[in-house]
Amino acid sequence: MFSTHSQAQSSVAKDQRVLLIGYGAAGRMHHNCYPDGVEVGAVVEKESKKTPEGIPMYEEIEAASDANFDVIDIAVPTDLHHIVFEKVSQTFPSKPIIVEKPICIPNVIEQIERLVEAHSHNVYVNESYRSSKIVEKIIELCDIYDVSSPDISISFCKNRYIDNLSGRYVDRYWGVWGYEGPHIIAILSQLTGIDPLQWEVENSMESSFQISAMDRPTQGFAQANLSSGEIDAHLYTSTNGLLSDGSFINPTSEDRLRVAEITDDEVTITGEFEPIPGMERPKGRVTVESAGERREWVIYDDSLSRHLHRIIADKETMGGRQEISVEKGLDVLRLLRSIRE
């Protein structure tokens, strides 16, 4: 029932050059997480003050067309992904492309799917939780404890009021689900091995409100109940710090809740994703409670670095492994769109 595919690290060829498009928060995170042997050959960014010293910078994608790159990494805001992807595909038709999650806004899913199909190399969505060691450990324990018909609960919450006031983490298209929703569904898919489109949406709700500096609703919470066969899943996220038990995360706190819990008969398996208060990043934790006993594992879970490593290693063989492919990313968004309809 639960996914058992291997996420073993493949080796990455040395001297891989990346063209990094966008050098905001996401672009800087990508830059810091590329594996050994991979360097940023150039950055495309209109705001020169953002770019790192010593790395060539272009204001337009086309201006980089004569340079030699092994992979193109798109880390611009979500609403620009489909526009930038089309330009990249036209400029570098034979190069693999990485796109930050979510791959696009709701109304262009079919458009970007056509663009991906027309591209002559692999395309990947940078959904780091597909390479999480916390998820791997949960899957291992589900096998050990013979979990077969579980209830699954996944909650990702943080109070982003201060972030939202400054214009950060505001998704005008995916709403409250925008930042954490793709993560949550990717984890659900990875845990169970069930394609996102095989889940039935039993019910869902989203409550949000506008804060003074924004022109769209930005603060709130959302939840959905899904089912597939004998498995039930409850998904919950909030950007106003409201937890599912009614308690709140303070807006001035860096605390957040990122938890996946699997319950089946007398077994409860819980995965806590970083950051965890009082614990060094990027350490996470997995616990299992069964027959009155509790066991705990603290796991170094640098999932973003690991995911980028897997993508860059995979693109060298044009393997297009299913669990890191763009098709999975598009199916995640189709399910998320169904949840919000």
C-alpha atoms as a PDB file:
ATOM      1  CA  MET A   1       0.000   0.000   0.000  1.00  0.00           C
ATOM      2  CA  PHE A   2       2.777   2.431   0.883  1.00  0.00           C
ATOM      3  CA  SER A   3       5.368   3.626  -1.624  1.00  0.00           C
ATOM      4  CA  THR A   4       8.632   1.694  -1.509  1.00  0.00           C
ATOM      5  CA  HIS A   5      10.678   3.233  -4.334  1.00  0.00           C
ATOM      6  CA  SER A   6      14.351   3.851  -3.670  1.00  0.00           C
ATOM      7  CA  GLN A   7      15.699   7.349  -3.223  1.00  0.00           C
ATOM      8  CA  ALA A   8      19.348   6.340  -3.228  1.00  0.00           C
ATOM      9  CA  GLN A   9      21.705   9.130  -4.184  1.00  0.00           C
ATOM     10  CA  SER A  10      23.185   8.848  -7.666  1.00  0.00           C
ATOM     11  CA  SER A  11      26.502  10.476  -8.422  1.00  0.00           C
ATOM     12  CA  VAL A  12      26.570  13.861 -10.119  1.00  0.00           C
ATOM     13  CA  ALA A  13      29.088  14.504 -12.861  1.00  0.00           C
ATOM     14  CA  LYS A  14      31.590  17.235 -12.054  1.00  0.00           C
ATOM     15  CA  ASP A  15      31.599  20.723 -13.528  1.00  0.00           C
ATOM     16  CA  GLN A  16      27.844  21.027 -14.082  1.00  0.00           C
ATOM     17  CA  ARG A  17      26.828  24.616 -14.867  1.00  0.00           C
ATOM     18  CA  VAL A  18      23.424  26.001 -13.954  1.00  0.00           C
ATOM     19  CA  LEU A  19      21.691  29.034 -15.401  1.00  0.00           C
ATOM     20  CA  LEU A  20      19.665  30.269 -12.428  1.00  0.00           C
ATOM     21  CA  ILE A  21      16.694  32.423 -13.413  1.00  0.00           C
ATOM     22  CA  GLY A  22      15.544  34.587 -10.526  1.00  0.00           C
ATOM     23  CA  TYR A  23      17.608  35.409  -7.459  1.00  0.00           C
ATOM     24  CA  GLY A  24      15.003  36.157  -4.825  1.00  0.00           C
ATOM     25  CA  ALA A  25      14.437  33.970  -1.757  1.00  0.00           C
ATOM     26  CA  ALA A  26      13.881  30.785  -3.800  1.00  0.00           C
ATOM     27  CA  GLY A  27      16.836  31.418  -6.100  1.00  0.00           C
ATOM     28  CA  ARG A  28      19.202  31.998  -3.192  1.00  0.00           C
ATOM     29  CA  MET A  29      18.007  28.797  -1.512  1.00  0.00           C
ATOM     30  CA  HIS A  30      18.627  26.814  -4.697  1.00  0.00           C
ATOM     31  CA  HIS A  31      22.097  28.339  -5.070  1.00  0.00           C
ATOM     32  CA  ASN A  32      23.018  27.303  -1.526  1.00  0.00           C
ATOM     33  CA  CYS A  33      21.733  23.744  -2.013  1.00  0.00           C
ATOM     34  CA  TYR A  34      23.278  22.596  -5.292  1.00  0.00           C
ATOM     35  CA  PRO A  35      25.400  19.466  -4.818  1.00  0.00           C
ATOM     36  CA  ASP A  36      29.192  19.389  -5.064  1.00  0.00           C
ATOM     37  CA  GLY A  37      30.362  19.661  -8.644  1.00  0.00           C
ATOM     38  CA  VAL A  38      27.525  22.020  -9.610  1.00  0.00           C
ATOM     39  CA  GLU A  39      28.107  25.738  -9.983  1.00  0.00           C
ATOM     40  CA  VAL A  40      25.955  28.691 -10.947  1.00  0.00           C
ATOM     41  CA  GLY A  41      27.344  29.714 -14.305  1.00  0.00           C
ATOM     42  CA  ALA A  42      25.147  32.803 -14.557  1.00  0.00           C
ATOM     43  CA  VAL A  43      22.031  34.441 -13.108  1.00  0.00           C
ATOM     44  CA  VAL A  44      19.139  36.064 -14.944  1.00  0.00           C
ATOM     45  CA  GLU A  45      17.795  38.804 -12.682  1.00  0.00           C
ATOM     46  CA  LYS A  46      16.539  42.315 -13.405  1.00  0.00           C
ATOM     47  CA  GLU A  47      17.452  43.637  -9.954  1.00  0.00           C
ATOM     48  CA  SER A  48      21.249  43.663  -9.932  1.00  0.00           C
ATOM     49  CA  LYS A  49      21.450  44.347  -6.187  1.00  0.00           C
ATOM     50  CA  LYS A  50      20.133  40.830  -5.536  1.00  0.00           C
ATOM     51  CA  THR A  51      22.791  38.956  -7.471  1.00  0.00           C
ATOM     52  CA  PRO A  52      25.955  37.462  -5.923  1.00  0.00           C
ATOM     53  CA  GLU A  53      29.359  38.924  -6.678  1.00  0.00           C
ATOM     54  CA  GLY A  54      31.583  37.199  -9.191  1.00  0.00           C
ATOM     55  CA  ILE A  55      28.786  35.498 -11.136  1.00  0.00           C
ATOM     56  CA  PRO A  56      27.780  36.786 -14.586  1.00  0.00           C
ATOM     57  CA  MET A  57      24.347  38.401 -14.650  1.00  0.00           C
ATOM     58  CA  TYR A  58      21.885  38.884 -17.485  1.00  0.00           C
ATOM     59  CA  GLU A  59      18.673  40.875 -17.448  1.00  0.00           C
ATOM     60  CA  GLU A  60      17.057  38.766 -20.180  1.00  0.00           C
ATOM     61  CA  ILE A  61      17.080  35.014 -20.816  1.00  0.00           C
ATOM     62  CA  GLU A  62      17.874  35.422 -24.489  1.00  0.00           C
ATOM     63  CA  ALA A  63      21.081  37.280 -23.628  1.00  0.00           C
ATOM     64  CA  ALA A  64      22.465  34.074 -22.091  1.00  0.00           C
ATOM     65  CA  SER A  65      21.814  31.956 -25.193  1.00  0.00           C
ATOM     66  CA  ASP A  66      25.452  31.846 -26.324  1.00  0.00           C
ATOM     67  CA  ALA A  67      26.776  30.599 -22.968  1.00  0.00           C
ATOM     68  CA  ASN A  68      27.157  26.912 -22.145  1.00  0.00           C
ATOM     69  CA  PHE A  69      24.865  25.514 -19.422  1.00  0.00           C
ATOM     70  CA  ASP A  70      23.971  21.970 -18.404  1.00  0.00           C
ATOM     71  CA  VAL A  71      20.653  22.724 -16.707  1.00  0.00           C
ATOM     72  CA  ILE A  72      18.280  25.681 -16.415  1.00  0.00           C
ATOM     73  CA  ASP A  73      16.675  26.420 -13.031  1.00  0.00           C
ATOM     74  CA  ILE A  74      13.572  28.647 -12.893  1.00  0.00           C
ATOM     75  CA  ALA A  75      13.071  30.305  -9.485  1.00  0.00           C
ATOM     76  CA  VAL A  76      10.905  33.311 -10.317  1.00  0.00           C
ATOM     77  CA  PRO A  77       7.463  34.019  -8.747  1.00  0.00           C
ATOM     78  CA  THR A  78       4.812  31.373  -9.527  1.00  0.00           C
ATOM     79  CA  ASP A  79       2.643  33.601 -11.735  1.00  0.00           C
ATOM     80  CA  LEU A  80       5.611  34.040 -14.108  1.00  0.00           C
ATOM     81  CA  HIS A  81       6.561  30.355 -14.380  1.00  0.00           C
ATOM     82  CA  HIS A  82       4.657  29.606 -17.593  1.00  0.00           C
ATOM     83  CA  ILE A  83       5.931  32.771 -19.298  1.00  0.00           C
ATOM     84  CA  VAL A  84       9.544  32.174 -18.298  1.00  0.00           C
ATOM     85  CA  PHE A  85       9.319  28.453 -19.093  1.00  0.00           C
ATOM     86  CA  GLU A  86       8.237  29.191 -22.662  1.00  0.00           C
ATOM     87  CA  LYS A  87      11.165  31.578 -23.153  1.00  0.00           C
ATOM     88  CA  VAL A  88      13.621  29.084 -21.660  1.00  0.00           C
ATOM     89  CA  SER A  89      12.327  26.246 -23.818  1.00  0.00           C
ATOM     90  CA  GLN A  90      12.678  28.375 -26.946  1.00  0.00           C
ATOM     91  CA  THR A  91      16.161  29.568 -25.984  1.00  0.00           C
ATOM     92  CA  PHE A  92      17.502  26.249 -24.650  1.00  0.00           C
ATOM     93  CA  PRO A  93      15.389  23.567 -26.397  1.00  0.00           C
ATOM     94  CA  SER A  94      17.746  20.678 -25.598  1.00  0.00           C
ATOM     95  CA  LYS A  95      18.466  21.438 -21.940  1.00  0.00           C
ATOM     96  CA  PRO A  96      16.774  19.972 -18.839  1.00  0.00           C
ATOM     97  CA  ILE A  97      14.696  22.466 -16.875  1.00  0.00           C
ATOM     98  CA  ILE A  98      13.948  22.685 -13.155  1.00  0.00           C
ATOM     99  CA  VAL A  99      10.917  24.728 -12.064  1.00  0.00           C
ATOM    100  CA  GLU A 100      10.266  25.772  -8.463  1.00  0.00           C
ATOM    101  CA  LYS A 101       7.000  24.474  -7.013  1.00  0.00           C
ATOM    102  CA  PRO A 102       4.167  25.040  -7.683  1.00  0.00           C
ATOM    103  CA  ILE A 103       4.914  24.814 -11.368  1.00  0.00           C
ATOM    104  CA  CYS A 104       2.161  27.245 -12.343  1.00  0.00           C
ATOM    105  CA  ILE A 105      -1.009  29.121 -11.396  1.00  0.00           C
ATOM    106  CA  PRO A 106      -4.394  27.312 -11.675  1.00  0.00           C
ATOM    107  CA  ASN A 107      -5.620  28.653 -15.017  1.00  0.00           C
ATOM    108  CA  VAL A 108      -2.522  27.687 -17.040  1.00  0.00           C
ATOM    109  CA  ILE A 109      -2.040  24.044 -15.996  1.00  0.00           C
ATOM    110  CA  GLU A 110      -3.041  22.758 -19.442  1.00  0.00           C
ATOM    111  CA  GLN A 111      -0.971  25.456 -21.188  1.00  0.00           C
ATOM    112  CA  ILE A 112       2.235  24.591 -19.339  1.00  0.00           C
ATOM    113  CA  GLU A 113       1.539  20.889 -19.871  1.00  0.00           C
ATOM    114  CA  ARG A 114       1.605  21.498 -23.627  1.00  0.00           C
ATOM    115  CA  LEU A 115       4.843  23.460 -23.294  1.00  0.00           C
ATOM    116  CA  VAL A 116       6.409  20.639 -21.277  1.00  0.00           C
ATOM    117  CA  GLU A 117       5.341  18.026 -23.829  1.00  0.00           C
ATOM    118  CA  ALA A 118       6.938  20.070 -26.609  1.00  0.00           C
ATOM    119  CA  HIS A 119      10.253  20.416 -24.757  1.00  0.00           C
ATOM    120  CA  SER A 120      12.885  17.931 -25.920  1.00  0.00           C
ATOM    121  CA  HIS A 121      14.496  17.188 -22.551  1.00  0.00           C
ATOM    122  CA  ASN A 122      13.315  16.362 -19.029  1.00  0.00           C
ATOM    123  CA  VAL A 123      11.447  18.902 -16.929  1.00  0.00           C
ATOM    124  CA  TYR A 124      11.378  18.668 -13.132  1.00  0.00           C
ATOM    125  CA  VAL A 125       9.406  20.364 -10.380  1.00  0.00           C
ATOM    126  CA  ASN A 126      11.500  21.294  -7.372  1.00  0.00           C
ATOM    127  CA  GLU A 127       9.219  19.676  -4.761  1.00  0.00           C
ATOM    128  CA  SER A 128      11.774  18.922  -2.071  1.00  0.00           C
ATOM    129  CA  TYR A 129       9.510  16.800   0.146  1.00  0.00           C
ATOM    130  CA  ARG A 130       9.634  14.072  -2.483  1.00  0.00           C
ATOM    131  CA  SER A 131      13.212  13.531  -1.309  1.00  0.00           C
ATOM    132  CA  SER A 132      12.573  13.782   2.431  1.00  0.00           C
ATOM    133  CA  LYS A 133      14.241  11.260   4.725  1.00  0.00           C
ATOM    134  CA  ILE A 134      11.403  11.809   7.200  1.00  0.00           C
ATOM    135  CA  VAL A 135       8.961  10.505   4.594  1.00  0.00           C
ATOM    136  CA  GLU A 136      11.271   7.551   3.880  1.00  0.00           C
ATOM    137  CA  LYS A 137      11.391   6.651   7.581  1.00  0.00           C
ATOM    138  CA  ILE A 138       7.603   6.795   7.894  1.00  0.00           C
ATOM    139  CA  ILE A 139       7.281   4.451   4.902  1.00  0.00           C
ATOM    140  CA  GLU A 140       9.821   2.059   6.451  1.00  0.00           C
ATOM    141  CA  LEU A 141       7.909   1.998   9.747  1.00  0.00           C
ATOM    142  CA  CYS A 142       4.561   1.498   8.006  1.00  0.00           C
ATOM    143  CA  ASP A 143       6.051  -1.621   6.434  1.00  0.00           C
ATOM    144  CA  ILE A 144       7.475  -2.864   9.747  1.00  0.00           C
ATOM    145  CA  TYR A 145       4.173  -2.359  11.576  1.00  0.00           C
ATOM    146  CA  ASP A 146       2.093  -3.683   8.675  1.00  0.00           C
ATOM    147  CA  VAL A 147       0.062  -0.490   8.259  1.00  0.00           C
ATOM    148  CA  SER A 148      -2.542  -1.081   5.558  1.00  0.00           C
ATOM    149  CA  SER A 149      -5.717   0.995   6.093  1.00  0.00           C
ATOM    150  CA  PRO A 150      -4.580   4.112   7.912  1.00  0.00           C
ATOM    151  CA  ASP A 151      -5.970   7.508   8.667  1.00  0.00           C
ATOM    152  CA  ILE A 152      -3.462  10.120   7.518  1.00  0.00           C
ATOM    153  CA  SER A 153      -3.288  13.652   8.862  1.00  0.00           C
ATOM    154  CA  ILE A 154      -0.883  16.244   7.425  1.00  0.00           C
ATOM    155  CA  SER A 155      -0.739  19.768   8.874  1.00  0.00           C
ATOM    156  CA  PHE A 156       1.543  22.608   7.770  1.00  0.00           C
ATOM    157  CA  CYS A 157       0.965  25.870   9.664  1.00  0.00           C
ATOM    158  CA  LYS A 158       2.719  29.157  10.365  1.00  0.00           C
ATOM    159  CA  ASN A 159       1.614  32.663  11.236  1.00  0.00           C
ATOM    160  CA  ARG A 160       2.759  34.645   8.195  1.00  0.00           C
ATOM    161  CA  TYR A 161       1.154  37.966   9.124  1.00  0.00           C
ATOM    162  CA  ILE A 162       4.450  39.889   9.201  1.00  0.00           C
ATOM    163  CA  ASP A 163       5.661  38.143   6.043  1.00  0.00           C
ATOM    164  CA  ASN A 164       2.394  38.972   4.287  1.00  0.00           C
ATOM    165  CA  LEU A 165       2.579  42.646   5.285  1.00  0.00           C
ATOM    166  CA  SER A 166       5.944  42.860   3.520  1.00  0.00           C
ATOM    167  CA  GLY A 167       4.542  41.092   0.458  1.00  0.00           C
ATOM    168  CA  ARG A 168       6.213  37.728   1.098  1.00  0.00           C
ATOM    169  CA  TYR A 169       4.461  34.353   0.815  1.00  0.00           C
ATOM    170  CA  VAL A 170       1.424  35.956  -0.789  1.00  0.00           C
ATOM    171  CA  ASP A 171      -0.210  33.693  -3.374  1.00  0.00           C
ATOM    172  CA  ARG A 172      -2.917  35.540  -5.263  1.00  0.00           C
ATOM    173  CA  TYR A 173      -3.949  32.454  -7.189  1.00  0.00           C
ATOM    174  CA  TRP A 174      -3.733  29.414  -4.880  1.00  0.00           C
ATOM    175  CA  GLY A 175      -4.820  31.356  -1.783  1.00  0.00           C
ATOM    176  CA  VAL A 176      -4.173  29.877   1.663  1.00  0.00           C
ATOM    177  CA  TRP A 177      -3.142  26.606   0.006  1.00  0.00           C
ATOM    178  CA  GLY A 178      -0.514  28.300  -2.146  1.00  0.00           C
ATOM    179  CA  TYR A 179       2.660  27.910  -0.126  1.00  0.00           C
ATOM    180  CA  GLU A 180       2.140  24.654   1.781  1.00  0.00           C
ATOM    181  CA  GLY A 181      -0.589  22.917  -0.248  1.00  0.00           C
ATOM    182  CA  PRO A 182       1.752  21.458  -2.910  1.00  0.00           C
ATOM    183  CA  HIS A 183       4.085  20.226  -0.128  1.00  0.00           C
ATOM    184  CA  ILE A 184       1.203  18.537   1.695  1.00  0.00           C
ATOM    185  CA  ILE A 185      -0.139  16.744  -1.377  1.00  0.00           C
ATOM    186  CA  ALA A 186       3.365  15.716  -2.486  1.00  0.00           C
ATOM    187  CA  ILE A 187       3.966  14.148   0.936  1.00  0.00           C
ATOM    188  CA  LEU A 188       0.610  12.353   0.774  1.00  0.00           C
ATOM    189  CA  SER A 189       1.439  11.002  -2.691  1.00  0.00           C
ATOM    190  CA  GLN A 190       4.952  10.007  -1.659  1.00  0.00           C
ATOM    191  CA  LEU A 191       3.797   8.231   1.503  1.00  0.00           C
ATOM    192  CA  THR A 192       1.065   6.187  -0.101  1.00  0.00           C
ATOM    193  CA  GLY A 193       2.264   5.745  -3.678  1.00  0.00           C
ATOM    194  CA  ILE A 194      -1.231   6.824  -4.729  1.00  0.00           C
ATOM    195  CA  ASP A 195      -1.383   9.216  -7.676  1.00  0.00           C
ATOM    196  CA  PRO A 196      -2.909  12.590  -6.685  1.00  0.00           C
ATOM    197  CA  LEU A 197      -5.717  12.114  -9.220  1.00  0.00           C
ATOM    198  CA  GLN A 198      -6.817   8.871  -7.531  1.00  0.00           C
ATOM    199  CA  TRP A 199      -7.931  10.737  -4.416  1.00  0.00           C
ATOM    200  CA  GLU A 200     -11.581  11.711  -4.022  1.00  0.00           C
ATOM    201  CA  VAL A 201     -12.300  15.030  -2.349  1.00  0.00           C
ATOM    202  CA  GLU A 202     -14.958  14.298   0.277  1.00  0.00           C
ATOM    203  CA  ASN A 203     -15.195  17.901   1.487  1.00  0.00           C
ATOM    204  CA  SER A 204     -13.054  20.998   1.815  1.00  0.00           C
ATOM    205  CA  MET A 205     -13.189  24.564   3.064  1.00  0.00           C
ATOM    206  CA  GLU A 206     -11.029  27.668   2.974  1.00  0.00           C
ATOM    207  CA  SER A 207     -11.425  30.748   5.150  1.00  0.00           C
ATOM    208  CA  SER A 208      -9.334  33.816   4.485  1.00  0.00           C
ATOM    209  CA  PHE A 209      -9.358  37.575   4.888  1.00  0.00           C
ATOM    210  CA  GLN A 210      -7.501  40.541   3.493  1.00  0.00           C
ATOM    211  CA  ILE A 211      -4.927  42.454   5.528  1.00  0.00           C
ATOM    212  CA  SER A 212      -4.642  46.171   4.932  1.00  0.00           C
ATOM    213  CA  ALA A 213      -1.535  46.165   2.748  1.00  0.00           C
ATOM    214  CA  MET A 214      -2.771  43.458   0.359  1.00  0.00           C
ATOM    215  CA  ASP A 215      -5.320  43.546  -2.452  1.00  0.00           C
ATOM    216  CA  ARG A 216      -6.258  39.847  -2.138  1.00  0.00           C
ATOM    217  CA  PRO A 217      -7.125  37.558   0.798  1.00  0.00           C
ATOM    218  CA  THR A 218      -3.864  36.376   2.328  1.00  0.00           C
ATOM    219  CA  GLN A 219      -4.502  35.285   5.920  1.00  0.00           C
ATOM    220  CA  GLY A 220      -6.555  32.262   6.915  1.00  0.00           C
ATOM    221  CA  PHE A 221      -6.778  28.488   7.102  1.00  0.00           C
ATOM    222  CA  ALA A 222      -7.902  25.674   4.818  1.00  0.00           C
ATOM    223  CA  GLN A 223      -8.665  21.981   5.178  1.00  0.00           C
ATOM    224  CA  ALA A 224      -9.732  19.049   3.044  1.00  0.00           C
ATOM    225  CA  ASN A 225     -10.813  15.467   3.664  1.00  0.00           C
ATOM    226  CA  LEU A 226      -9.835  12.955   0.976  1.00  0.00           C
ATOM    227  CA  SER A 227     -10.252   9.231   0.469  1.00  0.00           C
ATOM    228  CA  SER A 228      -8.780   6.557  -1.771  1.00  0.00           C
ATOM    229  CA  GLY A 229      -9.910   2.991  -1.211  1.00  0.00           C
ATOM    230  CA  GLU A 230      -9.561   2.245   2.492  1.00  0.00           C
ATOM    231  CA  ILE A 231      -7.269   5.199   3.200  1.00  0.00           C
ATOM    232  CA  ASP A 232      -8.617   8.489   4.561  1.00  0.00           C
ATOM    233  CA  ALA A 233      -6.565  11.681   4.610  1.00  0.00           C
ATOM    234  CA  HIS A 234      -7.099  14.968   6.420  1.00  0.00           C
ATOM    235  CA  LEU A 235      -5.094  17.925   5.093  1.00  0.00           C
ATOM    236  CA  TYR A 236      -4.797  21.202   6.972  1.00  0.00           C
ATOM    237  CA  THR A 237      -2.837  24.419   6.519  1.00  0.00           C
ATOM    238  CA  SER A 238      -2.950  27.936   7.873  1.00  0.00           C
ATOM    239  CA  THR A 239      -1.193  31.227   7.202  1.00  0.00           C
ATOM    240  CA  ASN A 240      -2.693  32.984  10.245  1.00  0.00           C
ATOM    241  CA  GLY A 241      -1.173  30.603  12.799  1.00  0.00           C
ATOM    242  CA  LEU A 242      -4.422  28.829  13.665  1.00  0.00           C
ATOM    243  CA  LEU A 243      -3.780  25.171  14.457  1.00  0.00           C
ATOM    244  CA  SER A 244      -6.400  22.477  13.964  1.00  0.00           C
ATOM    245  CA  ASP A 245      -6.817  22.132  17.760  1.00  0.00           C
ATOM    246  CA  GLY A 246      -7.784  25.822  18.055  1.00  0.00           C
ATOM    247  CA  SER A 247      -4.478  27.115  19.438  1.00  0.00           C
ATOM    248  CA  PHE A 248      -2.420  29.826  17.728  1.00  0.00           C
ATOM    249  CA  ILE A 249       1.163  30.452  16.678  1.00  0.00           C
ATOM    250  CA  ASN A 250       2.216  33.989  17.590  1.00  0.00           C
ATOM    251  CA  PRO A 251       2.900  36.215  14.539  1.00  0.00           C
ATOM    252  CA  THR A 252       6.282  37.273  15.970  1.00  0.00           C
ATOM    253  CA  SER A 253       7.362  33.652  16.438  1.00  0.00           C
ATOM    254  CA  GLU A 254       9.471  31.700  13.969  1.00  0.00           C
ATOM    255  CA  ASP A 255       7.699  28.533  15.129  1.00  0.00           C
ATOM    256  CA  ARG A 256       5.730  26.505  12.637  1.00  0.00           C
ATOM    257  CA  LEU A 257       4.014  23.145  12.562  1.00  0.00           C
ATOM    258  CA  ARG A 258       4.855  20.639   9.829  1.00  0.00           C
ATOM    259  CA  VAL A 259       3.580  17.211  10.790  1.00  0.00           C
ATOM    260  CA  ALA A 260       2.412  14.004   9.080  1.00  0.00           C
ATOM    261  CA  GLU A 261       0.663  11.441  11.269  1.00  0.00           C
ATOM    262  CA  ILE A 262      -0.306   7.887  10.307  1.00  0.00           C
ATOM    263  CA  THR A 263      -2.777   5.999  12.525  1.00  0.00           C
ATOM    264  CA  ASP A 264      -3.791   2.373  11.984  1.00  0.00           C
ATOM    265  CA  ASP A 265      -5.360   0.249  14.742  1.00  0.00           C
ATOM    266  CA  GLU A 266      -3.017   0.640  17.748  1.00  0.00           C
ATOM    267  CA  VAL A 267      -0.073   2.141  15.866  1.00  0.00           C
ATOM    268  CA  THR A 268       0.619   5.868  15.462  1.00  0.00           C
ATOM    269  CA  ILE A 269       3.590   7.020  13.381  1.00  0.00           C
ATOM    270  CA  THR A 270       4.386  10.739  13.413  1.00  0.00           C
ATOM    271  CA  GLY A 271       6.851  12.630  11.263  1.00  0.00           C
ATOM    272  CA  GLU A 272       7.859  16.162  12.230  1.00  0.00           C
ATOM    273  CA  PHE A 273       9.594  18.155   9.508  1.00  0.00           C
ATOM    274  CA  GLU A 274      12.129  20.872  10.173  1.00  0.00           C
ATOM    275  CA  PRO A 275      12.276  23.448  11.623  1.00  0.00           C
ATOM    276  CA  ILE A 276      11.408  22.051  15.054  1.00  0.00           C
ATOM    277  CA  PRO A 277      11.649  24.448  18.046  1.00  0.00           C
ATOM    278  CA  GLY A 278      14.782  23.755  20.048  1.00  0.00           C
ATOM    279  CA  MET A 279      16.287  21.512  17.390  1.00  0.00           C
ATOM    280  CA  GLU A 280      19.071  22.402  14.955  1.00  0.00           C
ATOM    281  CA  ARG A 281      18.032  22.713  11.312  1.00  0.00           C
ATOM    282  CA  PRO A 282      17.569  20.683   9.175  1.00  0.00           C
ATOM    283  CA  LYS A 283      16.891  17.949  11.725  1.00  0.00           C
ATOM    284  CA  GLY A 284      13.450  16.341  11.818  1.00  0.00           C
ATOM    285  CA  ARG A 285      11.936  13.673  14.019  1.00  0.00           C
ATOM    286  CA  VAL A 286       9.918  10.488  13.584  1.00  0.00           C
ATOM    287  CA  THR A 287       8.153   8.725  16.468  1.00  0.00           C
ATOM    288  CA  VAL A 288       6.146   5.533  16.673  1.00  0.00           C
ATOM    289  CA  GLU A 289       3.760   4.622  19.475  1.00  0.00           C
ATOM    290  CA  SER A 290       2.544   1.043  19.686  1.00  0.00           C
ATOM    291  CA  ALA A 291       1.467  -1.294  22.527  1.00  0.00           C
ATOM    292  CA  GLY A 292       2.236   1.357  25.135  1.00  0.00           C
ATOM    293  CA  GLU A 293       5.784   1.902  23.900  1.00  0.00           C
ATOM    294  CA  ARG A 294       7.299   4.941  22.183  1.00  0.00           C
ATOM    295  CA  ARG A 295      10.386   5.070  19.967  1.00  0.00           C
ATOM    296  CA  GLU A 296      12.000   8.148  18.435  1.00  0.00           C
ATOM    297  CA  TRP A 297      14.455   8.881  15.617  1.00  0.00           C
ATOM    298  CA  VAL A 298      16.103  12.266  15.002  1.00  0.00           C
ATOM    299  CA  ILE A 299      16.960  12.502  11.312  1.00  0.00           C
ATOM    300  CA  TYR A 300      19.093  14.955   9.348  1.00  0.00           C
ATOM    301  CA  ASP A 301      16.666  15.868   6.579  1.00  0.00           C
ATOM    302  CA  ASP A 302      18.210  18.317   4.133  1.00  0.00           C
ATOM    303  CA  SER A 303      15.524  17.535   1.588  1.00  0.00           C
ATOM    304  CA  LEU A 304      16.106  20.497  -0.748  1.00  0.00           C
ATOM    305  CA  SER A 305      19.786  19.677  -1.298  1.00  0.00           C
ATOM    306  CA  ARG A 306      18.920  16.012  -1.674  1.00  0.00           C
ATOM    307  CA  HIS A 307      16.153  16.716  -4.182  1.00  0.00           C
ATOM    308  CA  LEU A 308      18.304  18.985  -6.345  1.00  0.00           C
ATOM    309  CA  HIS A 309      21.030  16.319  -6.232  1.00  0.00           C
ATOM    310  CA  ARG A 310      18.579  13.660  -7.461  1.00  0.00           C
ATOM    311  CA  ILE A 311      17.287  15.900 -10.248  1.00  0.00           C
ATOM    312  CA  ILE A 312      20.714  16.855 -11.561  1.00  0.00           C
ATOM    313  CA  ALA A 313      21.944  13.251 -11.376  1.00  0.00           C
ATOM    314  CA  ASP A 314      18.798  12.038 -13.132  1.00  0.00           C
ATOM    315  CA  LYS A 315      18.948  14.578 -15.959  1.00  0.00           C
ATOM    316  CA  GLU A 316      22.332  13.227 -17.037  1.00  0.00           C
ATOM    317  CA  THR A 317      20.715   9.896 -17.974  1.00  0.00           C
ATOM    318  CA  MET A 318      17.428  11.443 -19.181  1.00  0.00           C
ATOM    319  CA  GLY A 319      15.807   8.955 -16.827  1.00  0.00           C
ATOM    320  CA  GLY A 320      12.843  11.128 -15.905  1.00  0.00           C
ATOM    321  CA  ARG A 321      12.060   9.106 -12.785  1.00  0.00           C
ATOM    322  CA  GLN A 322       8.360   9.311 -12.095  1.00  0.00           C
ATOM    323  CA  GLU A 323       8.516  10.533  -8.515  1.00  0.00           C
ATOM    324  CA  ILE A 324      10.589  13.605  -9.463  1.00  0.00           C
ATOM    325  CA  SER A 325       8.988  14.290 -12.851  1.00  0.00           C
ATOM    326  CA  VAL A 326       6.930  17.290 -13.889  1.00  0.00           C
ATOM    327  CA  GLU A 327       3.886  15.050 -14.450  1.00  0.00           C
ATOM    328  CA  LYS A 328       3.710  14.446 -10.704  1.00  0.00           C
ATOM    329  CA  GLY A 329       3.889  18.186 -10.070  1.00  0.00           C
ATOM    330  CA  LEU A 330       1.048  18.862 -12.499  1.00  0.00           C
ATOM    331  CA  ASP A 331      -1.120  16.144 -10.935  1.00  0.00           C
ATOM    332  CA  VAL A 332      -0.542  17.693  -7.509  1.00  0.00           C
ATOM    333  CA  LEU A 333      -1.915  20.988  -8.835  1.00  0.00           C
ATOM    334  CA  ARG A 334      -4.892  19.301 -10.482  1.00  0.00           C
ATOM    335  CA  LEU A 335      -5.848  17.786  -7.125  1.00  0.00           C
ATOM    336  CA  LEU A 336      -5.278  21.116  -5.390  1.00  0.00           C
ATOM    337  CA  ARG A 337      -7.505  22.828  -7.963  1.00  0.00           C
ATOM    338  CA  SER A 338     -10.234  20.244  -7.284  1.00  0.00           C
ATOM    339  CA  ILE A 339      -9.941  20.880  -3.553  1.00  0.00           C
ATOM    340  CA  ARG A 340     -10.482  24.610  -4.069  1.00  0.00           C
ATOM    341  CA  GLU A 341     -13.403  24.293  -6.535  1.00  0.00           C
END
